[in-house]
Amino acid sequence: MKYIGFVLGCLAYSLIAADAPVAPVAASKAEFVYPDFTQCYEKNRQSIVYFGKTRAVAVNEKQAVAYLKEKPNEAFVRHDYLSNLYLFESSKPLIPVKLKPTVDLKLGEWLESLTDNSLLVVNASKVGKTPDELFEFAGKGEINSIVGGLCCDMYGLGIGEGAFIASEVLEKFIAGKSASFKELGARFSEDNEGITVDFIDPTFKDSKLNVGDKIQSLNGIRVKTLADLNDVIKSLKEAPKWNAQIQRGTLSLEVSLLASKPIAKKSVPKKVPLPQAKQESFFQAKGFAFDKNLNIINVSKGSFADQSGLKAGDRLMQIDTTPIETVLQADAYMAKAFSGEHHLLFDRSDFQFFVTIKR
């Protein structure tokens, strides 16, 4: 009886199935279709900009970031020697790409690697344990490309050879909250708690610093910001040895740090007396003057220059987007400049910064 019931059941199922629509059967050799990143390409290609021949990615309405192994000819705002990142500033409004944290990135996730004239669809092949590690994808990609997901946001900056720098690293660099110093062979990040080592130069021999160390002072001079650290390193360049007070976990330690290589003494140009002008120049009215090499030779106490943090030795590189090569060119530019704000780019021992001045 059980067998007869089973046969009748199968027969009934066959009759019902005969009346049901037949579901399409996928071809055994169906062609694989890649995810469509066309919309992302059309959207994000607008964020690719050029400074001279240097391709960069706009990260806000005024600035763009690029990866370069050699110093560019174009003026830049900031540089990090360990990550080879450069920050540029544009005089025209930019269309920035939106950055996305790599914590959301999954191994094997489909990604786009795009520039203004190329689009490559790839898979995430290596996800860094921390944002400070390089991330990788299957495929080479181009240098200074936008690497993002199907949401079109940017996970990182492509540096060629299938690798990219995480968005978190870019954000700290753009905000001036991270900086590398060759003298110490390390990169440091700044937050409300002070300065912390976040990366060690692998080519720096016998480094006494560890990732996570908090720098409290250098040769007895307290440092709370990256600007403090830069000023102290500049003042101690001739010292044969530096003593750093650090916090390592729960321990407070003093370690001796040696420069990675002997630092050659820089020849200080003799002060060249400025010719007495019949009328005070624009820069003199702001409390500072230049020598023939565009180095500031004096800052009047209490002046605009003094309040802006300018110091003797700071070198003028450009005004707005115009590179400046002589004092006469600088005076002529400001004499013809329109009323309003102008941005002066200065260099202080390879540390570049802007000062905004009103005409």
Protein backbone atom coordinates (compact mmCIF):
# COMPACT_ATOMS: atom_id res chain seq x y z
CA MET A 1 0.00 0.00 0.00
CA LYS A 2 2.81 2.38 0.88
CA TYR A 3 4.40 1.71 -2.51
CA ILE A 4 1.09 2.29 -4.37
CA GLY A 5 0.62 5.58 -2.45
CA PHE A 6 4.11 6.70 -3.38
CA VAL A 7 3.49 5.97 -7.09
CA LEU A 8 0.17 7.84 -7.06
CA GLY A 9 1.83 10.80 -5.33
CA CYS A 10 4.59 10.97 -7.92
CA LEU A 11 2.01 10.77 -10.72
CA ALA A 12 0.00 13.65 -9.24
CA TYR A 13 3.14 15.77 -8.82
CA SER A 14 4.06 15.11 -12.48
CA LEU A 15 0.65 16.28 -13.69
CA ILE A 16 0.85 19.48 -11.63
CA ALA A 17 4.41 20.16 -12.76
CA ALA A 18 3.37 19.72 -16.39
CA ASP A 19 0.94 22.65 -16.06
CA ALA A 20 3.43 24.87 -14.19
CA PRO A 21 5.62 27.32 -16.12
CA VAL A 22 9.11 26.05 -16.74
CA ALA A 23 11.80 28.08 -14.92
CA PRO A 24 14.68 29.18 -17.13
CA VAL A 25 17.84 27.16 -16.68
CA ALA A 26 21.11 29.09 -16.47
CA ALA A 27 23.59 28.20 -19.16
CA SER A 28 26.42 26.08 -17.87
CA LYS A 29 28.95 28.38 -19.48
CA ALA A 30 27.29 31.74 -18.76
CA GLU A 31 29.64 34.69 -19.30
CA PHE A 32 30.66 36.47 -16.08
CA VAL A 33 29.53 40.10 -15.87
CA TYR A 34 31.67 42.57 -13.89
CA PRO A 35 29.97 45.06 -11.55
CA ASP A 36 29.02 48.28 -13.31
CA PHE A 37 31.10 51.20 -12.02
CA THR A 38 30.09 53.53 -14.87
CA GLN A 39 28.15 55.92 -12.63
CA CYS A 40 31.03 56.05 -10.14
CA TYR A 41 33.44 56.80 -12.97
CA GLU A 42 31.34 59.66 -14.32
CA LYS A 43 30.92 61.07 -10.81
CA ASN A 44 34.46 60.72 -9.46
CA ARG A 45 36.46 61.61 -12.57
CA GLN A 46 35.56 65.23 -11.77
CA SER A 47 37.69 64.94 -8.62
CA ILE A 48 40.86 64.22 -10.61
CA VAL A 49 42.83 67.46 -10.99
CA TYR A 50 46.28 68.45 -12.23
CA PHE A 51 48.97 70.72 -10.83
CA GLY A 52 51.32 71.11 -13.76
CA LYS A 53 51.91 67.50 -14.84
CA THR A 54 51.08 66.09 -11.41
CA ARG A 55 47.78 64.24 -11.19
CA ALA A 56 46.04 64.58 -7.82
CA VAL A 57 42.71 63.79 -6.16
CA ALA A 58 40.57 66.61 -4.76
CA VAL A 59 39.77 65.93 -1.09
CA ASN A 60 38.05 69.21 -0.28
CA GLU A 61 37.07 72.35 -2.18
CA LYS A 62 40.56 73.85 -1.94
CA GLN A 63 43.04 70.97 -1.64
CA ALA A 64 44.12 67.83 -3.47
CA VAL A 65 46.46 64.99 -2.49
CA ALA A 66 49.00 63.09 -4.60
CA TYR A 67 51.56 60.29 -4.23
CA LEU A 68 55.00 61.14 -5.65
CA LYS A 69 58.41 59.56 -5.19
CA GLU A 70 60.18 62.71 -6.40
CA LYS A 71 59.68 66.31 -5.32
CA PRO A 72 57.33 68.06 -7.77
CA ASN A 73 58.16 71.32 -9.53
CA GLU A 74 54.83 72.77 -8.46
CA ALA A 75 54.41 74.47 -5.07
CA PHE A 76 52.80 72.32 -2.39
CA VAL A 77 51.40 72.84 1.10
CA ARG A 78 52.70 69.77 2.89
CA HIS A 79 54.83 66.66 2.32
CA ASP A 80 55.32 63.38 4.20
CA TYR A 81 58.55 61.57 3.27
CA LEU A 82 57.48 58.14 4.57
CA SER A 83 54.19 57.92 2.68
CA ASN A 84 55.38 60.10 -0.25
CA LEU A 85 52.20 62.15 0.04
CA TYR A 86 51.97 65.75 -1.16
CA LEU A 87 49.17 68.20 -0.47
CA PHE A 88 48.40 70.88 -3.06
CA GLU A 89 46.14 73.93 -2.82
CA SER A 90 44.04 75.21 -5.70
CA SER A 91 43.02 78.81 -6.39
CA LYS A 92 39.85 77.50 -8.04
CA PRO A 93 37.03 75.56 -6.33
CA LEU A 94 37.44 71.79 -6.60
CA ILE A 95 34.90 68.96 -6.66
CA PRO A 96 36.05 66.65 -3.85
CA VAL A 97 35.56 62.91 -3.62
CA LYS A 98 33.98 61.55 -0.44
CA LEU A 99 36.33 59.46 1.73
CA LYS A 100 35.11 56.18 3.21
CA PRO A 101 36.71 54.40 6.22
CA THR A 102 38.53 51.18 5.34
CA VAL A 103 36.95 49.51 8.37
CA ASP A 104 34.00 48.89 6.03
CA LEU A 105 36.18 47.20 3.39
CA LYS A 106 35.85 43.41 3.05
CA LEU A 107 38.34 40.99 1.54
CA GLY A 108 37.27 40.14 -2.02
CA GLU A 109 35.03 43.21 -2.31
CA TRP A 110 34.68 44.63 -5.82
CA LEU A 111 36.54 47.92 -6.23
CA GLU A 112 37.12 50.55 -8.87
CA SER A 113 40.53 52.07 -9.60
CA LEU A 114 39.91 55.14 -11.75
CA THR A 115 41.53 58.28 -13.10
CA ASP A 116 40.09 60.94 -15.38
CA ASN A 117 40.62 58.69 -18.42
CA SER A 118 40.75 55.09 -17.14
CA LEU A 119 38.63 52.66 -15.15
CA LEU A 120 39.80 49.30 -13.77
CA VAL A 121 37.49 46.88 -11.91
CA VAL A 122 39.35 44.82 -9.30
CA ASN A 123 38.98 42.75 -6.11
CA ALA A 124 40.34 43.67 -2.68
CA SER A 125 43.10 41.08 -2.17
CA LYS A 126 44.65 42.32 1.08
CA VAL A 127 42.99 44.29 3.85
CA GLY A 128 45.40 45.96 6.28
CA LYS A 129 45.13 45.10 9.97
CA THR A 130 45.36 48.84 10.63
CA PRO A 131 44.87 51.82 8.31
CA ASP A 132 48.64 52.47 8.48
CA GLU A 133 49.29 49.31 6.43
CA LEU A 134 49.04 49.31 2.65
CA PHE A 135 45.90 47.75 1.17
CA GLU A 136 46.07 45.73 -2.04
CA PHE A 137 43.84 44.64 -4.91
CA ALA A 138 44.17 42.17 -7.78
CA GLY A 139 45.47 44.29 -10.64
CA LYS A 140 48.05 47.05 -11.02
CA GLY A 141 46.02 50.24 -11.21
CA GLU A 142 47.50 53.68 -11.81
CA ILE A 143 49.36 56.02 -9.49
CA ASN A 144 47.11 58.72 -8.00
CA SER A 145 43.91 56.89 -8.84
CA ILE A 146 40.70 56.83 -6.81
CA VAL A 147 40.12 53.40 -5.27
CA GLY A 148 36.51 52.99 -4.14
CA GLY A 149 33.56 50.64 -3.85
CA LEU A 150 30.14 50.39 -5.47
CA CYS A 151 28.95 53.24 -3.24
CA CYS A 152 31.41 55.44 -5.23
CA ASP A 153 33.15 56.68 -2.04
CA MET A 154 36.96 56.55 -1.86
CA TYR A 155 38.64 53.87 0.27
CA GLY A 156 42.10 55.15 -0.58
CA LEU A 157 44.64 56.63 -2.99
CA GLY A 158 46.12 54.26 -5.57
CA ILE A 159 49.93 54.22 -5.68
CA GLY A 160 50.42 51.69 -8.49
CA GLU A 161 51.38 47.99 -8.36
CA GLY A 162 47.96 47.07 -6.96
CA ALA A 163 48.28 48.98 -3.68
CA PHE A 164 46.59 51.98 -2.10
CA ILE A 165 46.93 54.22 0.96
CA ALA A 166 43.94 54.09 3.31
CA SER A 167 41.54 57.02 3.61
CA GLU A 168 42.24 57.33 7.36
CA VAL A 169 45.92 58.04 6.65
CA LEU A 170 44.93 60.59 4.01
CA GLU A 171 42.59 62.39 6.41
CA LYS A 172 45.26 62.80 9.11
CA PHE A 173 47.79 64.01 6.56
CA ILE A 174 45.35 66.51 5.01
CA ALA A 175 44.41 67.90 8.44
CA GLY A 176 48.07 68.29 9.41
CA LYS A 177 47.60 65.76 12.20
CA SER A 178 50.44 63.49 11.03
CA ALA A 179 54.02 64.23 9.99
CA SER A 180 57.23 62.27 9.40
CA PHE A 181 60.69 63.38 10.51
CA LYS A 182 63.78 61.85 8.88
CA GLU A 183 65.87 62.85 11.89
CA LEU A 184 63.84 60.48 14.10
CA GLY A 185 62.98 57.91 11.43
CA ALA A 186 59.32 57.87 12.36
CA ARG A 187 55.90 59.27 11.60
CA PHE A 188 53.92 60.93 14.37
CA SER A 189 50.23 61.68 14.78
CA GLU A 190 48.72 64.46 16.87
CA ASP A 191 45.54 64.28 18.93
CA ASN A 192 44.13 65.74 22.16
CA GLU A 193 46.48 63.55 24.21
CA GLY A 194 49.66 64.75 22.48
CA ILE A 195 52.05 63.23 19.93
CA THR A 196 52.19 59.49 19.25
CA VAL A 197 54.49 57.39 17.05
CA ASP A 198 52.28 55.65 14.47
CA PHE A 199 54.89 54.33 12.00
CA ILE A 200 58.62 53.51 12.05
CA ASP A 201 60.83 54.00 8.99
CA PRO A 202 61.96 50.44 8.08
CA THR A 203 65.24 51.82 6.69
CA PHE A 204 66.09 53.62 9.93
CA LYS A 205 68.67 51.53 11.79
CA ASP A 206 68.63 51.00 15.55
CA SER A 207 65.46 52.99 16.14
CA LYS A 208 64.72 53.31 19.85
CA LEU A 209 61.11 54.31 19.26
CA ASN A 210 58.14 51.94 19.04
CA VAL A 211 54.75 52.41 17.45
CA GLY A 212 52.46 53.72 20.20
CA ASP A 213 55.14 55.68 22.08
CA LYS A 214 53.94 59.09 23.23
CA ILE A 215 56.60 61.81 22.97
CA GLN A 216 56.55 64.16 25.94
CA SER A 217 59.81 66.10 25.54
CA LEU A 218 63.00 66.25 23.49
CA ASN A 219 66.23 67.33 25.23
CA GLY A 220 64.10 68.67 28.06
CA ILE A 221 61.85 70.77 25.81
CA ARG A 222 58.15 69.90 26.12
CA VAL A 223 56.28 69.11 22.91
CA LYS A 224 52.51 68.96 22.65
CA THR A 225 51.92 69.47 18.93
CA LEU A 226 53.62 68.53 15.67
CA ALA A 227 54.53 72.19 15.19
CA ASP A 228 56.29 72.10 18.59
CA LEU A 229 58.19 68.97 17.56
CA ASN A 230 59.23 70.52 14.25
CA ASP A 231 60.56 73.65 15.99
CA VAL A 232 62.50 71.61 18.57
CA ILE A 233 64.08 69.37 15.91
CA LYS A 234 65.09 72.46 13.94
CA SER A 235 66.76 74.00 17.01
CA LEU A 236 68.57 70.75 17.89
CA LYS A 237 69.90 69.82 14.45
CA GLU A 238 73.51 70.39 15.51
CA ALA A 239 73.17 68.35 18.72
CA PRO A 240 75.08 65.01 18.52
CA LYS A 241 72.47 63.16 20.58
CA TRP A 242 68.90 63.74 21.62
CA ASN A 243 67.20 62.51 24.77
CA ALA A 244 63.48 61.90 24.50
CA GLN A 245 61.09 61.48 27.40
CA ILE A 246 58.39 59.06 26.27
CA GLN A 247 55.36 57.26 27.64
CA ARG A 248 55.34 53.60 26.60
CA GLY A 249 52.22 51.95 27.92
CA THR A 250 52.30 52.50 31.69
CA LEU A 251 56.05 53.20 31.70
CA SER A 252 57.72 56.60 31.58
CA LEU A 253 61.11 56.21 29.87
CA GLU A 254 64.03 58.30 28.70
CA VAL A 255 65.65 57.08 25.49
CA SER A 256 68.65 58.38 23.54
CA LEU A 257 67.97 59.09 19.89
CA LEU A 258 70.58 59.51 17.19
CA ALA A 259 69.99 61.16 13.85
CA SER A 260 69.78 58.72 10.93
CA LYS A 261 72.83 60.35 9.33
CA PRO A 262 75.13 63.28 10.06
CA ILE A 263 73.33 66.48 9.24
CA ALA A 264 75.40 68.81 7.09
CA LYS A 265 75.68 72.34 8.34
CA LYS A 266 73.80 74.77 6.21
CA SER A 267 75.62 77.89 5.13
CA VAL A 268 73.72 80.85 6.48
CA PRO A 269 73.66 83.68 3.95
CA LYS A 270 74.98 86.96 5.23
CA LYS A 271 72.36 89.52 5.95
CA VAL A 272 72.11 91.88 3.04
CA PRO A 273 71.05 95.38 4.05
CA LEU A 274 67.98 96.47 2.15
CA PRO A 275 68.25 99.68 0.16
CA GLN A 276 66.37 102.49 1.79
CA ALA A 277 63.20 102.98 -0.16
CA LYS A 278 61.48 106.30 -0.39
CA GLN A 279 58.25 104.65 0.66
CA GLU A 280 57.63 101.74 3.03
CA SER A 281 56.90 98.50 1.14
CA PHE A 282 53.76 96.43 1.69
CA PHE A 283 55.67 93.73 3.55
CA GLN A 284 57.54 96.21 5.74
CA ALA A 285 54.18 97.67 6.74
CA LYS A 286 53.22 94.18 7.90
CA GLY A 287 56.36 93.94 10.03
CA PHE A 288 58.84 91.91 7.98
CA ALA A 289 61.38 92.16 5.17
CA PHE A 290 63.30 89.78 2.91
CA ASP A 291 66.89 89.31 1.84
CA LYS A 292 67.70 88.65 -1.83
CA ASN A 293 66.92 84.92 -1.36
CA LEU A 294 63.42 85.71 -0.05
CA ASN A 295 64.35 84.68 3.49
CA ILE A 296 62.79 86.82 6.22
CA ILE A 297 65.61 88.77 7.90
CA ASN A 298 63.66 90.44 10.68
CA VAL A 299 60.21 90.44 12.26
CA SER A 300 58.96 93.53 14.12
CA LYS A 301 57.67 92.70 17.57
CA GLY A 302 53.90 93.00 17.87
CA SER A 303 53.44 93.34 14.11
CA PHE A 304 51.15 91.30 11.88
CA ALA A 305 54.10 89.08 10.97
CA ASP A 306 54.90 88.49 14.64
CA GLN A 307 51.27 87.67 15.49
CA SER A 308 51.11 85.27 12.51
CA GLY A 309 54.07 83.25 13.83
CA LEU A 310 56.56 84.22 11.13
CA LYS A 311 60.23 83.97 12.07
CA ALA A 312 63.56 85.09 10.68
CA GLY A 313 64.75 82.49 8.17
CA ASP A 314 61.29 81.61 6.84
CA ARG A 315 61.47 81.64 3.03
CA LEU A 316 58.69 82.93 0.77
CA MET A 317 57.86 80.41 -2.00
CA GLN A 318 54.67 81.65 -3.61
CA ILE A 319 51.79 84.13 -3.33
CA ASP A 320 48.39 82.63 -4.05
CA THR A 321 49.24 80.29 -6.97
CA THR A 322 52.18 82.32 -8.34
CA PRO A 323 55.73 81.07 -7.57
CA ILE A 324 57.91 83.94 -6.35
CA GLU A 325 61.61 84.12 -7.23
CA THR A 326 62.70 87.66 -6.32
CA VAL A 327 61.83 90.39 -3.82
CA LEU A 328 60.97 92.72 -6.70
CA GLN A 329 58.50 90.16 -8.04
CA ALA A 330 56.88 89.84 -4.59
CA ASP A 331 56.58 93.63 -4.21
CA ALA A 332 55.21 93.99 -7.74
CA TYR A 333 52.63 91.24 -7.18
CA MET A 334 51.26 92.83 -4.02
CA ALA A 335 51.32 96.31 -5.61
CA LYS A 336 49.00 95.08 -8.36
CA ALA A 337 46.98 92.65 -6.22
CA PHE A 338 43.28 93.14 -5.67
CA SER A 339 41.89 94.10 -2.29
CA GLY A 340 41.10 91.11 -0.10
CA GLU A 341 42.85 88.03 1.24
CA HIS A 342 46.04 86.62 -0.27
CA HIS A 343 47.84 83.42 0.71
CA LEU A 344 51.61 83.41 1.17
CA LEU A 345 53.39 80.04 1.17
CA PHE A 346 56.52 79.87 3.36
CA ASP A 347 59.13 77.16 3.91
CA ARG A 348 60.69 76.54 7.31
CA SER A 349 63.30 73.77 7.11
CA ASP A 350 61.22 71.73 4.59
CA PHE A 351 58.03 72.40 6.60
CA GLN A 352 55.64 74.39 4.40
CA PHE A 353 52.77 76.51 5.67
CA PHE A 354 50.45 79.30 4.51
CA VAL A 355 49.91 82.74 6.04
CA THR A 356 46.80 84.66 4.98
CA ILE A 357 47.35 88.39 4.57
CA LYS A 358 44.89 91.16 3.69
CA ARG A 359 45.60 93.74 1.00
